[in-house]
PDB file of N, CA and C in Angstrom:
ATOM      1  N   MET A   1     -18.750  30.487 -44.175  1.00  0.00           N
ATOM      2  CA  MET A   1     -17.766  30.752 -43.161  1.00  0.00           C
ATOM      3  C   MET A   1     -18.407  31.438 -41.965  1.00  0.00           C
ATOM      4  N   ALA A   2     -19.374  32.295 -42.251  1.00  0.00           N
ATOM      5  CA  ALA A   2     -20.040  33.006 -41.166  1.00  0.00           C
ATOM      6  C   ALA A   2     -20.839  32.047 -40.307  1.00  0.00           C
ATOM      7  N   SER A   3     -21.421  31.017 -40.909  1.00  0.00           N
ATOM      8  CA  SER A   3     -22.199  30.051 -40.123  1.00  0.00           C
ATOM      9  C   SER A   3     -21.285  29.235 -39.204  1.00  0.00           C
ATOM     10  N   PHE A   4     -20.032  29.013 -39.635  1.00  0.00           N
ATOM     11  CA  PHE A   4     -19.089  28.281 -38.782  1.00  0.00           C
ATOM     12  C   PHE A   4     -18.832  29.066 -37.507  1.00  0.00           C
ATOM     13  N   PHE A   5     -18.566  30.370 -37.640  1.00  0.00           N
ATOM     14  CA  PHE A   5     -18.296  31.189 -36.470  1.00  0.00           C
ATOM     15  C   PHE A   5     -19.542  31.337 -35.605  1.00  0.00           C
ATOM     16  N   LYS A   6     -20.701  31.367 -36.250  1.00  0.00           N
ATOM     17  CA  LYS A   6     -21.954  31.465 -35.504  1.00  0.00           C
ATOM     18  C   LYS A   6     -22.176  30.187 -34.701  1.00  0.00           C
ATOM     19  N   ASP A   7     -21.937  29.023 -35.336  1.00  0.00           N
ATOM     20  CA  ASP A   7     -22.079  27.746 -34.623  1.00  0.00           C
ATOM     21  C   ASP A   7     -21.045  27.617 -33.508  1.00  0.00           C
ATOM     22  N   LEU A   8     -19.822  28.070 -33.771  1.00  0.00           N
ATOM     23  CA  LEU A   8     -18.778  28.025 -32.755  1.00  0.00           C
ATOM     24  C   LEU A   8     -19.124  28.923 -31.578  1.00  0.00           C
ATOM     25  N   GLY A   9     -19.652  30.099 -31.858  1.00  0.00           N
ATOM     26  CA  GLY A   9     -20.067  31.018 -30.795  1.00  0.00           C
ATOM     27  C   GLY A   9     -21.205  30.429 -29.976  1.00  0.00           C
ATOM     28  N   ASN A  10     -22.172  29.808 -30.629  1.00  0.00           N
ATOM     29  CA  ASN A  10     -23.281  29.174 -29.902  1.00  0.00           C
ATOM     30  C   ASN A  10     -22.766  28.019 -29.034  1.00  0.00           C
ATOM     31  N   PHE A  11     -21.814  27.284 -29.564  1.00  0.00           N
ATOM     32  CA  PHE A  11     -21.260  26.167 -28.806  1.00  0.00           C
ATOM     33  C   PHE A  11     -20.548  26.664 -27.556  1.00  0.00           C
ATOM     34  N   LEU A  12     -19.694  27.684 -27.726  1.00  0.00           N
ATOM     35  CA  LEU A  12     -18.914  28.179 -26.593  1.00  0.00           C
ATOM     36  C   LEU A  12     -19.775  28.916 -25.575  1.00  0.00           C
ATOM     37  N   LEU A  13     -20.808  29.601 -26.023  1.00  0.00           N
ATOM     38  CA  LEU A  13     -21.630  30.383 -25.104  1.00  0.00           C
ATOM     39  C   LEU A  13     -22.866  29.627 -24.622  1.00  0.00           C
ATOM     40  N   GLY A  14     -23.191  28.581 -25.283  1.00  0.00           N
ATOM     41  CA  GLY A  14     -24.444  27.915 -24.960  1.00  0.00           C
ATOM     42  C   GLY A  14     -24.258  26.538 -24.364  1.00  0.00           C
ATOM     43  N   GLU A  15     -24.945  25.576 -24.990  1.00  0.00           N
ATOM     44  CA  GLU A  15     -25.031  24.229 -24.434  1.00  0.00           C
ATOM     45  C   GLU A  15     -23.696  23.494 -24.453  1.00  0.00           C
ATOM     46  N   GLY A  16     -22.805  23.833 -25.345  1.00  0.00           N
ATOM     47  CA  GLY A  16     -21.509  23.155 -25.420  1.00  0.00           C
ATOM     48  C   GLY A  16     -20.670  23.388 -24.184  1.00  0.00           C
ATOM     49  N   LEU A  17     -20.644  24.627 -23.713  1.00  0.00           N
ATOM     50  CA  LEU A  17     -19.855  24.963 -22.538  1.00  0.00           C
ATOM     51  C   LEU A  17     -20.445  24.336 -21.290  1.00  0.00           C
ATOM     52  N   SER A  18     -21.751  24.354 -21.157  1.00  0.00           N
ATOM     53  CA  SER A  18     -22.376  23.758 -19.978  1.00  0.00           C
ATOM     54  C   SER A  18     -22.218  22.232 -20.001  1.00  0.00           C
ATOM     55  N   SER A  19     -22.293  21.652 -21.189  1.00  0.00           N
ATOM     56  CA  SER A  19     -22.081  20.204 -21.310  1.00  0.00           C
ATOM     57  C   SER A  19     -20.645  19.846 -20.942  1.00  0.00           C
ATOM     58  N   LEU A  20     -19.709  20.656 -21.396  1.00  0.00           N
ATOM     59  CA  LEU A  20     -18.308  20.424 -21.067  1.00  0.00           C
ATOM     60  C   LEU A  20     -18.081  20.566 -19.566  1.00  0.00           C
ATOM     61  N   LYS A  21     -18.712  21.573 -18.964  1.00  0.00           N
ATOM     62  CA  LYS A  21     -18.569  21.786 -17.525  1.00  0.00           C
ATOM     63  C   LYS A  21     -19.158  20.606 -16.752  1.00  0.00           C
ATOM     64  N   LYS A  22     -20.303  20.097 -17.165  1.00  0.00           N
ATOM     65  CA  LYS A  22     -20.912  18.948 -16.494  1.00  0.00           C
ATOM     66  C   LYS A  22     -20.016  17.716 -16.607  1.00  0.00           C
ATOM     67  N   THR A  23     -19.432  17.508 -17.771  1.00  0.00           N
ATOM     68  CA  THR A  23     -18.542  16.364 -17.970  1.00  0.00           C
ATOM     69  C   THR A  23     -17.303  16.472 -17.096  1.00  0.00           C
ATOM     70  N   VAL A  24     -16.728  17.663 -17.027  1.00  0.00           N
ATOM     71  CA  VAL A  24     -15.541  17.873 -16.195  1.00  0.00           C
ATOM     72  C   VAL A  24     -15.882  17.680 -14.726  1.00  0.00           C
ATOM     73  N   ASP A  25     -17.013  18.215 -14.275  1.00  0.00           N
ATOM     74  CA  ASP A  25     -17.434  18.046 -12.884  1.00  0.00           C
ATOM     75  C   ASP A  25     -17.644  16.574 -12.537  1.00  0.00           C
ATOM     76  N   LYS A  26     -18.288  15.854 -13.443  1.00  0.00           N
ATOM     77  CA  LYS A  26     -18.524  14.427 -13.209  1.00  0.00           C
ATOM     78  C   LYS A  26     -17.203  13.665 -13.125  1.00  0.00           C
ATOM     79  N   THR A  27     -16.278  13.993 -14.012  1.00  0.00           N
ATOM     80  CA  THR A  27     -14.974  13.331 -14.017  1.00  0.00           C
ATOM     81  C   THR A  27     -14.208  13.641 -12.738  1.00  0.00           C
ATOM     82  N   ILE A  28     -14.244  14.877 -12.288  1.00  0.00           N
ATOM     83  CA  ILE A  28     -13.548  15.259 -11.056  1.00  0.00           C
ATOM     84  C   ILE A  28     -14.141  14.525  -9.861  1.00  0.00           C
ATOM     85  N   LYS A  29     -15.460  14.443  -9.782  1.00  0.00           N
ATOM     86  CA  LYS A  29     -16.095  13.728  -8.668  1.00  0.00           C
ATOM     87  C   LYS A  29     -15.745  12.245  -8.704  1.00  0.00           C
ATOM     88  N   ASP A  30     -15.707  11.673  -9.899  1.00  0.00           N
ATOM     89  CA  ASP A  30     -15.341  10.257 -10.029  1.00  0.00           C
ATOM     90  C   ASP A  30     -13.900  10.018  -9.579  1.00  0.00           C
ATOM     91  N   VAL A  31     -13.000  10.905  -9.979  1.00  0.00           N
ATOM     92  CA  VAL A  31     -11.600  10.777  -9.580  1.00  0.00           C
ATOM     93  C   VAL A  31     -11.452  10.945  -8.071  1.00  0.00           C
ATOM     94  N   GLU A  32     -12.156  11.899  -7.481  1.00  0.00           N
ATOM     95  CA  GLU A  32     -12.112  12.086  -6.034  1.00  0.00           C
ATOM     96  C   GLU A  32     -12.596  10.837  -5.307  1.00  0.00           C
ATOM     97  N   HIS A  33     -13.655  10.235  -5.802  1.00  0.00           N
ATOM     98  CA  HIS A  33     -14.188   9.016  -5.185  1.00  0.00           C
ATOM     99  C   HIS A  33     -13.178   7.875  -5.281  1.00  0.00           C
ATOM    100  N   ARG A  34     -12.556   7.734  -6.431  1.00  0.00           N
ATOM    101  CA  ARG A  34     -11.553   6.669  -6.615  1.00  0.00           C
ATOM    102  C   ARG A  34     -10.342   6.891  -5.716  1.00  0.00           C
ATOM    103  N   ILE A  35      -9.897   8.135  -5.604  1.00  0.00           N
ATOM    104  CA  ILE A  35      -8.761   8.443  -4.729  1.00  0.00           C
ATOM    105  C   ILE A  35      -9.108   8.149  -3.278  1.00  0.00           C
ATOM    106  N   GLU A  36     -10.310   8.486  -2.872  1.00  0.00           N
ATOM    107  CA  GLU A  36     -10.749   8.224  -1.497  1.00  0.00           C
ATOM    108  C   GLU A  36     -10.765   6.720  -1.220  1.00  0.00           C
ATOM    109  N   ARG A  37     -11.300   5.935  -2.160  1.00  0.00           N
ATOM    110  CA  ARG A  37     -11.322   4.470  -1.982  1.00  0.00           C
ATOM    111  C   ARG A  37      -9.918   3.902  -1.936  1.00  0.00           C
ATOM    112  N   ALA A  38      -9.032   4.397  -2.804  1.00  0.00           N
ATOM    113  CA  ALA A  38      -7.651   3.906  -2.824  1.00  0.00           C
ATOM    114  C   ALA A  38      -6.920   4.266  -1.532  1.00  0.00           C
ATOM    115  N   THR A  39      -7.165   5.467  -1.017  1.00  0.00           N
ATOM    116  CA  THR A  39      -6.540   5.892   0.226  1.00  0.00           C
ATOM    117  C   THR A  39      -6.983   5.010   1.382  1.00  0.00           C
ATOM    118  N   ILE A  40      -8.265   4.726   1.455  1.00  0.00           N
ATOM    119  CA  ILE A  40      -8.780   3.857   2.522  1.00  0.00           C
ATOM    120  C   ILE A  40      -8.166   2.472   2.410  1.00  0.00           C
ATOM    121  N   LYS A  41      -8.050   1.963   1.203  1.00  0.00           N
ATOM    122  CA  LYS A  41      -7.469   0.642   0.997  1.00  0.00           C
ATOM    123  C   LYS A  41      -5.990   0.626   1.409  1.00  0.00           C
ATOM    124  N   VAL A  42      -5.251   1.676   1.070  1.00  0.00           N
ATOM    125  CA  VAL A  42      -3.836   1.756   1.447  1.00  0.00           C
ATOM    126  C   VAL A  42      -3.691   1.823   2.960  1.00  0.00           C
ATOM    127  N   ILE A  43      -4.533   2.600   3.624  1.00  0.00           N
ATOM    128  CA  ILE A  43      -4.464   2.712   5.083  1.00  0.00           C
ATOM    129  C   ILE A  43      -4.770   1.369   5.739  1.00  0.00           C
ATOM    130  N   LYS A  44      -5.818   0.692   5.282  1.00  0.00           N
ATOM    131  CA  LYS A  44      -6.164  -0.616   5.855  1.00  0.00           C
ATOM    132  C   LYS A  44      -5.044  -1.624   5.630  1.00  0.00           C
ATOM    133  N   THR A  45      -4.467  -1.635   4.444  1.00  0.00           N
ATOM    134  CA  THR A  45      -3.381  -2.568   4.144  1.00  0.00           C
ATOM    135  C   THR A  45      -2.148  -2.256   4.984  1.00  0.00           C
ATOM    136  N   SER A  46      -1.849  -0.986   5.170  1.00  0.00           N
ATOM    137  CA  SER A  46      -0.695  -0.593   5.984  1.00  0.00           C
ATOM    138  C   SER A  46      -0.875  -1.025   7.432  1.00  0.00           C
ATOM    139  N   ILE A  47      -2.066  -0.825   7.969  1.00  0.00           N
ATOM    140  CA  ILE A  47      -2.337  -1.225   9.354  1.00  0.00           C
ATOM    141  C   ILE A  47      -2.232  -2.735   9.494  1.00  0.00           C
ATOM    142  N   LEU A  48      -2.774  -3.471   8.551  1.00  0.00           N
ATOM    143  CA  LEU A  48      -2.685  -4.929   8.588  1.00  0.00           C
ATOM    144  C   LEU A  48      -1.232  -5.389   8.506  1.00  0.00           C
ATOM    145  N   PHE A  49      -0.447  -4.787   7.613  1.00  0.00           N
ATOM    146  CA  PHE A  49       0.959  -5.143   7.484  1.00  0.00           C
ATOM    147  C   PHE A  49       1.718  -4.845   8.770  1.00  0.00           C
ATOM    148  N   LEU A  50       1.459  -3.692   9.392  1.00  0.00           N
ATOM    149  CA  LEU A  50       2.109  -3.329  10.646  1.00  0.00           C
ATOM    150  C   LEU A  50       1.758  -4.320  11.750  1.00  0.00           C
ATOM    151  N   MET A  51       0.501  -4.712  11.825  1.00  0.00           N
ATOM    152  CA  MET A  51       0.083  -5.686  12.836  1.00  0.00           C
ATOM    153  C   MET A  51       0.758  -7.040  12.605  1.00  0.00           C
ATOM    154  N   MET A  52       0.896  -7.437  11.348  1.00  0.00           N
ATOM    155  CA  MET A  52       1.566  -8.699  11.048  1.00  0.00           C
ATOM    156  C   MET A  52       3.043  -8.637  11.435  1.00  0.00           C
ATOM    157  N   ILE A  53       3.704  -7.523  11.161  1.00  0.00           N
ATOM    158  CA  ILE A  53       5.121  -7.364  11.513  1.00  0.00           C
ATOM    159  C   ILE A  53       5.295  -7.445  13.028  1.00  0.00           C
ATOM    160  N   ILE A  54       4.431  -6.755  13.772  1.00  0.00           N
ATOM    161  CA  ILE A  54       4.521  -6.782  15.231  1.00  0.00           C
ATOM    162  C   ILE A  54       4.289  -8.200  15.750  1.00  0.00           C
ATOM    163  N   GLY A  55       3.333  -8.893  15.174  1.00  0.00           N
ATOM    164  CA  GLY A  55       3.078 -10.283  15.578  1.00  0.00           C
ATOM    165  C   GLY A  55       4.265 -11.178  15.295  1.00  0.00           C
ATOM    166  N   ILE A  56       4.886 -11.017  14.142  1.00  0.00           N
ATOM    167  CA  ILE A  56       6.061 -11.824  13.802  1.00  0.00           C
ATOM    168  C   ILE A  56       7.204 -11.526  14.763  1.00  0.00           C
ATOM    169  N   ILE A  57       7.379 -10.264  15.134  1.00  0.00           N
ATOM    170  CA  ILE A  57       8.435  -9.905  16.092  1.00  0.00           C
ATOM    171  C   ILE A  57       8.193 -10.589  17.427  1.00  0.00           C
ATOM    172  N   PHE A  58       6.951 -10.550  17.913  1.00  0.00           N
ATOM    173  CA  PHE A  58       6.641 -11.209  19.181  1.00  0.00           C
ATOM    174  C   PHE A  58       6.881 -12.714  19.102  1.00  0.00           C
ATOM    175  N   ILE A  59       6.491 -13.318  17.992  1.00  0.00           N
ATOM    176  CA  ILE A  59       6.709 -14.764  17.820  1.00  0.00           C
ATOM    177  C   ILE A  59       8.198 -15.080  17.834  1.00  0.00           C
ATOM    178  N   LEU A  60       8.991 -14.302  17.119  1.00  0.00           N
ATOM    179  CA  LEU A  60      10.427 -14.569  17.061  1.00  0.00           C
ATOM    180  C   LEU A  60      11.113 -14.343  18.402  1.00  0.00           C
ATOM    181  N   VAL A  61      10.714 -13.302  19.114  1.00  0.00           N
ATOM    182  CA  VAL A  61      11.299 -13.064  20.439  1.00  0.00           C
ATOM    183  C   VAL A  61      10.927 -14.211  21.385  1.00  0.00           C
ATOM    184  N   GLY A  62       9.679 -14.637  21.329  1.00  0.00           N
ATOM    185  CA  GLY A  62       9.257 -15.755  22.175  1.00  0.00           C
ATOM    186  C   GLY A  62       9.990 -17.036  21.825  1.00  0.00           C
ATOM    187  N   LEU A  63      10.166 -17.297  20.539  1.00  0.00           N
ATOM    188  CA  LEU A  63      10.888 -18.489  20.108  1.00  0.00           C
ATOM    189  C   LEU A  63      12.348 -18.430  20.552  1.00  0.00           C
ATOM    190  N   ALA A  64      12.961 -17.270  20.441  1.00  0.00           N
ATOM    191  CA  ALA A  64      14.354 -17.125  20.870  1.00  0.00           C
ATOM    192  C   ALA A  64      14.486 -17.339  22.379  1.00  0.00           C
ATOM    193  N   LYS A  65      13.559 -16.791  23.156  1.00  0.00           N
ATOM    194  CA  LYS A  65      13.601 -17.002  24.609  1.00  0.00           C
ATOM    195  C   LYS A  65      13.403 -18.471  24.954  1.00  0.00           C
ATOM    196  N   TYR A  66      12.475 -19.106  24.243  1.00  0.00           N
ATOM    197  CA  TYR A  66      12.218 -20.525  24.486  1.00  0.00           C
ATOM    198  C   TYR A  66      13.461 -21.357  24.175  1.00  0.00           C
ATOM    199  N   ILE A  67      14.102 -21.075  23.053  1.00  0.00           N
ATOM    200  CA  ILE A  67      15.322 -21.814  22.699  1.00  0.00           C
ATOM    201  C   ILE A  67      16.425 -21.544  23.712  1.00  0.00           C
ATOM    202  N   ASN A  68      16.564 -20.307  24.163  1.00  0.00           N
ATOM    203  CA  ASN A  68      17.596 -19.970  25.154  1.00  0.00           C
ATOM    204  C   ASN A  68      17.394 -20.737  26.453  1.00  0.00           C
ATOM    205  N   GLU A  69      16.144 -20.949  26.856  1.00  0.00           N
ATOM    206  CA  GLU A  69      15.881 -21.592  28.134  1.00  0.00           C
ATOM    207  C   GLU A  69      15.876 -23.111  28.048  1.00  0.00           C
ATOM    208  N   THR A  70      15.480 -23.663  26.918  1.00  0.00           N
ATOM    209  CA  THR A  70      15.336 -25.116  26.849  1.00  0.00           C
ATOM    210  C   THR A  70      16.594 -25.828  26.357  1.00  0.00           C
ATOM    211  N   VAL A  71      17.379 -25.209  25.527  1.00  0.00           N
ATOM    212  CA  VAL A  71      18.591 -25.846  25.013  1.00  0.00           C
ATOM    213  C   VAL A  71      19.779 -25.292  25.792  1.00  0.00           C
ATOM    214  N   PRO A  72      20.413 -26.131  26.609  1.00  0.00           N
ATOM    215  CA  PRO A  72      21.505 -25.622  27.455  1.00  0.00           C
ATOM    216  C   PRO A  72      22.687 -25.070  26.646  1.00  0.00           C
ATOM    217  N   GLY A  73      22.966 -25.618  25.492  1.00  0.00           N
ATOM    218  CA  GLY A  73      24.097 -25.152  24.693  1.00  0.00           C
ATOM    219  C   GLY A  73      23.863 -23.788  24.063  1.00  0.00           C
ATOM    220  N   LEU A  74      22.608 -23.356  23.996  1.00  0.00           N
ATOM    221  CA  LEU A  74      22.282 -22.060  23.383  1.00  0.00           C
ATOM    222  C   LEU A  74      21.926 -21.002  24.427  1.00  0.00           C
ATOM    223  N   ALA A  75      22.364 -21.211  25.650  1.00  0.00           N
ATOM    224  CA  ALA A  75      22.079 -20.240  26.709  1.00  0.00           C
ATOM    225  C   ALA A  75      22.865 -18.955  26.444  1.00  0.00           C
ATOM    226  N   HIS A  76      22.557 -17.940  27.175  1.00  0.00           N
ATOM    227  CA  HIS A  76      23.247 -16.645  27.129  1.00  0.00           C
ATOM    228  C   HIS A  76      23.059 -15.930  25.792  1.00  0.00           C
ATOM    229  N   GLY A  77      21.888 -16.067  25.174  1.00  0.00           N
ATOM    230  CA  GLY A  77      21.559 -15.291  23.987  1.00  0.00           C
ATOM    231  C   GLY A  77      21.905 -15.932  22.658  1.00  0.00           C
ATOM    232  N   LEU A  78      22.463 -17.129  22.664  1.00  0.00           N
ATOM    233  CA  LEU A  78      22.806 -17.754  21.394  1.00  0.00           C
ATOM    234  C   LEU A  78      21.560 -18.167  20.605  1.00  0.00           C
ATOM    235  N   GLY A  79      20.458 -18.424  21.292  1.00  0.00           N
ATOM    236  CA  GLY A  79      19.204 -18.738  20.598  1.00  0.00           C
ATOM    237  C   GLY A  79      18.705 -17.555  19.790  1.00  0.00           C
ATOM    238  N   THR A  80      18.856 -16.364  20.354  1.00  0.00           N
ATOM    239  CA  THR A  80      18.461 -15.148  19.646  1.00  0.00           C
ATOM    240  C   THR A  80      19.330 -14.949  18.407  1.00  0.00           C
ATOM    241  N   ILE A  81      20.613 -15.199  18.556  1.00  0.00           N
ATOM    242  CA  ILE A  81      21.516 -15.083  17.411  1.00  0.00           C
ATOM    243  C   ILE A  81      21.151 -16.116  16.352  1.00  0.00           C
ATOM    244  N   LEU A  82      20.799 -17.314  16.776  1.00  0.00           N
ATOM    245  CA  LEU A  82      20.404 -18.374  15.846  1.00  0.00           C
ATOM    246  C   LEU A  82      19.164 -17.970  15.050  1.00  0.00           C
ATOM    247  N   ILE A  83      18.144 -17.445  15.735  1.00  0.00           N
ATOM    248  CA  ILE A  83      16.923 -16.999  15.055  1.00  0.00           C
ATOM    249  C   ILE A  83      17.250 -15.882  14.059  1.00  0.00           C
ATOM    250  N   GLY A  84      18.090 -14.919  14.464  1.00  0.00           N
ATOM    251  CA  GLY A  84      18.483 -13.831  13.568  1.00  0.00           C
ATOM    252  C   GLY A  84      19.230 -14.346  12.348  1.00  0.00           C
ATOM    253  N   ALA A  85      20.124 -15.299  12.558  1.00  0.00           N
ATOM    254  CA  ALA A  85      20.883 -15.864  11.440  1.00  0.00           C
ATOM    255  C   ALA A  85      19.959 -16.603  10.476  1.00  0.00           C
ATOM    256  N   ILE A  86      18.996 -17.335  11.004  1.00  0.00           N
ATOM    257  CA  ILE A  86      18.042 -18.047  10.149  1.00  0.00           C
ATOM    258  C   ILE A  86      17.241 -17.048   9.313  1.00  0.00           C
ATOM    259  N   LEU A  87      16.823 -15.946   9.918  1.00  0.00           N
ATOM    260  CA  LEU A  87      16.074 -14.926   9.174  1.00  0.00           C
ATOM    261  C   LEU A  87      16.927 -14.299   8.072  1.00  0.00           C
ATOM    262  N   ILE A  88      18.187 -14.048   8.368  1.00  0.00           N
ATOM    263  CA  ILE A  88      19.068 -13.475   7.357  1.00  0.00           C
ATOM    264  C   ILE A  88      19.250 -14.446   6.195  1.00  0.00           C
ATOM    265  N   VAL A  89      19.435 -15.724   6.501  1.00  0.00           N
ATOM    266  CA  VAL A  89      19.591 -16.727   5.453  1.00  0.00           C
ATOM    267  C   VAL A  89      18.316 -16.821   4.610  1.00  0.00           C
ATOM    268  N   LEU A  90      17.146 -16.787   5.273  1.00  0.00           N
ATOM    269  CA  LEU A  90      15.883 -16.823   4.526  1.00  0.00           C
ATOM    270  C   LEU A  90      15.734 -15.600   3.625  1.00  0.00           C
ATOM    271  N   ALA A  91      16.106 -14.429   4.126  1.00  0.00           N
ATOM    272  CA  ALA A  91      16.012 -13.206   3.323  1.00  0.00           C
ATOM    273  C   ALA A  91      16.942 -13.280   2.110  1.00  0.00           C
ATOM    274  N   LEU A  92      18.143 -13.787   2.323  1.00  0.00           N
ATOM    275  CA  LEU A  92      19.076 -13.924   1.201  1.00  0.00           C
ATOM    276  C   LEU A  92      18.557 -14.941   0.183  1.00  0.00           C
ATOM    277  N   PHE A  93      17.928 -16.003   0.659  1.00  0.00           N
ATOM    278  CA  PHE A  93      17.365 -17.002  -0.240  1.00  0.00           C
ATOM    279  C   PHE A  93      16.238 -16.400  -1.074  1.00  0.00           C
ATOM    280  N   VAL A  94      15.373 -15.642  -0.431  1.00  0.00           N
ATOM    281  CA  VAL A  94      14.265 -15.006  -1.158  1.00  0.00           C
ATOM    282  C   VAL A  94      14.803 -14.023  -2.190  1.00  0.00           C
ATOM    283  N   ARG A  95      15.831 -13.273  -1.813  1.00  0.00           N
ATOM    284  CA  ARG A  95      16.419 -12.312  -2.755  1.00  0.00           C
ATOM    285  C   ARG A  95      17.061 -13.031  -3.933  1.00  0.00           C
ATOM    286  N   ALA A  96      17.704 -14.158  -3.668  1.00  0.00           N
ATOM    287  CA  ALA A  96      18.344 -14.912  -4.745  1.00  0.00           C
ATOM    288  C   ALA A  96      17.323 -15.526  -5.684  1.00  0.00           C
ATOM    289  N   MET A  97      16.130 -15.823  -5.193  1.00  0.00           N
ATOM    290  CA  MET A  97      15.098 -16.436  -6.015  1.00  0.00           C
ATOM    291  C   MET A  97      14.437 -15.449  -6.970  1.00  0.00           C
ATOM    292  N   LYS A  98      14.604 -14.163  -6.749  1.00  0.00           N
ATOM    293  CA  LYS A  98      13.986 -13.168  -7.624  1.00  0.00           C
ATOM    294  C   LYS A  98      14.610 -13.147  -8.938  1.00  0.00           C
TER     295      LYS A  98
END
Protein backbone atom coordinates (compact mmCIF):
# COMPACT_ATOMS: atom_id res chain seq x y z
CA MET A 1 0.00 0.00 0.00
CA ALA A 2 2.87 2.32 0.77
CA SER A 3 4.35 1.78 -2.70
CA PHE A 4 1.02 2.81 -4.25
CA PHE A 5 1.09 6.16 -2.47
CA LYS A 6 4.77 6.56 -3.30
CA ASP A 7 4.09 5.90 -7.00
CA LEU A 8 1.08 8.23 -6.91
CA GLY A 9 3.17 10.97 -5.29
CA ASN A 10 5.92 10.55 -7.90
CA PHE A 11 3.34 10.71 -10.66
CA LEU A 12 1.69 13.87 -9.34
CA LEU A 13 4.94 15.64 -8.49
CA GLY A 14 7.11 14.37 -11.27
CA GLU A 15 6.85 13.32 -14.88
CA GLY A 16 3.12 12.58 -14.79
CA LEU A 17 2.14 16.16 -14.06
CA SER A 18 4.48 17.61 -16.65
CA SER A 19 3.27 15.07 -19.22
CA LEU A 20 -0.32 15.98 -18.43
CA LYS A 21 0.51 19.69 -18.72
CA LYS A 22 2.19 19.15 -22.11
CA THR A 23 -0.82 17.19 -23.37
CA VAL A 24 -3.25 19.86 -22.20
CA ASP A 25 -1.14 22.64 -23.76
CA LYS A 26 -0.95 20.77 -27.06
CA THR A 27 -4.71 20.18 -27.05
CA ILE A 28 -5.43 23.84 -26.28
CA LYS A 29 -3.15 25.01 -29.10
CA ASP A 30 -4.78 22.55 -31.50
CA VAL A 31 -8.26 23.76 -30.53
CA GLU A 32 -7.21 27.40 -30.92
CA HIS A 33 -5.85 26.65 -34.39
CA ARG A 34 -9.05 24.87 -35.41
CA ILE A 35 -11.21 27.71 -34.09
CA GLU A 36 -9.11 30.25 -35.99
CA ARG A 37 -9.46 28.26 -39.24
CA ALA A 38 -13.21 27.86 -38.72
CA THR A 39 -13.61 31.58 -38.00
CA ILE A 40 -11.75 32.52 -41.17
CA LYS A 41 -13.88 30.10 -43.17
CA VAL A 42 -17.11 31.52 -41.69
CA ILE A 43 -16.02 35.09 -42.45
CA LYS A 44 -15.10 34.24 -46.06
CA THR A 45 -18.37 32.37 -46.58
CA SER A 46 -20.38 35.24 -45.08
CA ILE A 47 -18.70 37.79 -47.34
CA LEU A 48 -19.28 35.60 -50.39
CA PHE A 49 -22.94 35.10 -49.45
CA LEU A 50 -23.41 38.86 -48.92
CA MET A 51 -21.84 39.61 -52.30
CA MET A 52 -24.11 37.06 -53.98
CA ILE A 53 -27.21 38.57 -52.32
CA ILE A 54 -26.23 42.07 -53.45
CA GLY A 55 -25.63 40.80 -56.98
CA ILE A 56 -29.00 39.07 -57.07
CA ILE A 57 -30.70 42.27 -55.87
CA PHE A 58 -29.04 44.29 -58.64
CA ILE A 59 -30.03 41.69 -61.23
CA LEU A 60 -33.65 41.67 -60.06
CA VAL A 61 -33.90 45.45 -59.95
CA GLY A 62 -32.43 45.67 -63.44
CA LEU A 63 -34.79 42.99 -64.73
CA ALA A 64 -37.78 44.76 -63.19
CA LYS A 65 -36.76 48.09 -64.76
CA TYR A 66 -36.25 46.39 -68.10
CA ILE A 67 -39.69 44.77 -67.95
CA ASN A 68 -41.29 48.07 -66.89
CA GLU A 69 -39.79 49.88 -69.89
CA THR A 70 -40.18 47.26 -72.60
CA VAL A 71 -43.63 45.83 -71.89
CA PRO A 72 -46.23 48.60 -72.16
CA GLY A 73 -48.83 46.69 -70.12
CA LEU A 74 -46.44 46.40 -67.16
CA ALA A 75 -45.59 50.10 -66.95
CA HIS A 76 -45.85 52.05 -63.70
CA GLY A 77 -44.12 49.46 -61.50
CA LEU A 78 -46.09 46.35 -62.40
CA GLY A 79 -42.88 44.67 -63.62
CA THR A 80 -41.39 45.07 -60.16
CA ILE A 81 -44.50 43.56 -58.61
CA LEU A 82 -44.30 40.68 -61.11
CA ILE A 83 -40.66 39.94 -60.20
CA GLY A 84 -41.54 40.07 -56.47
CA ALA A 85 -44.49 37.73 -56.97
CA ILE A 86 -42.34 35.26 -58.91
CA LEU A 87 -39.77 35.27 -56.08
CA ILE A 88 -42.46 34.66 -53.49
CA VAL A 89 -43.86 31.75 -55.51
CA LEU A 90 -40.36 30.28 -55.89
CA ALA A 91 -39.72 30.61 -52.15
CA LEU A 92 -43.01 28.89 -51.35
CA PHE A 93 -42.17 26.12 -53.81
CA VAL A 94 -38.77 25.56 -52.23
CA ARG A 95 -40.34 25.50 -48.77
CA ALA A 96 -42.96 22.99 -49.91
CA MET A 97 -40.25 20.73 -51.34
CA LYS A 98 -38.53 20.36 -47.97
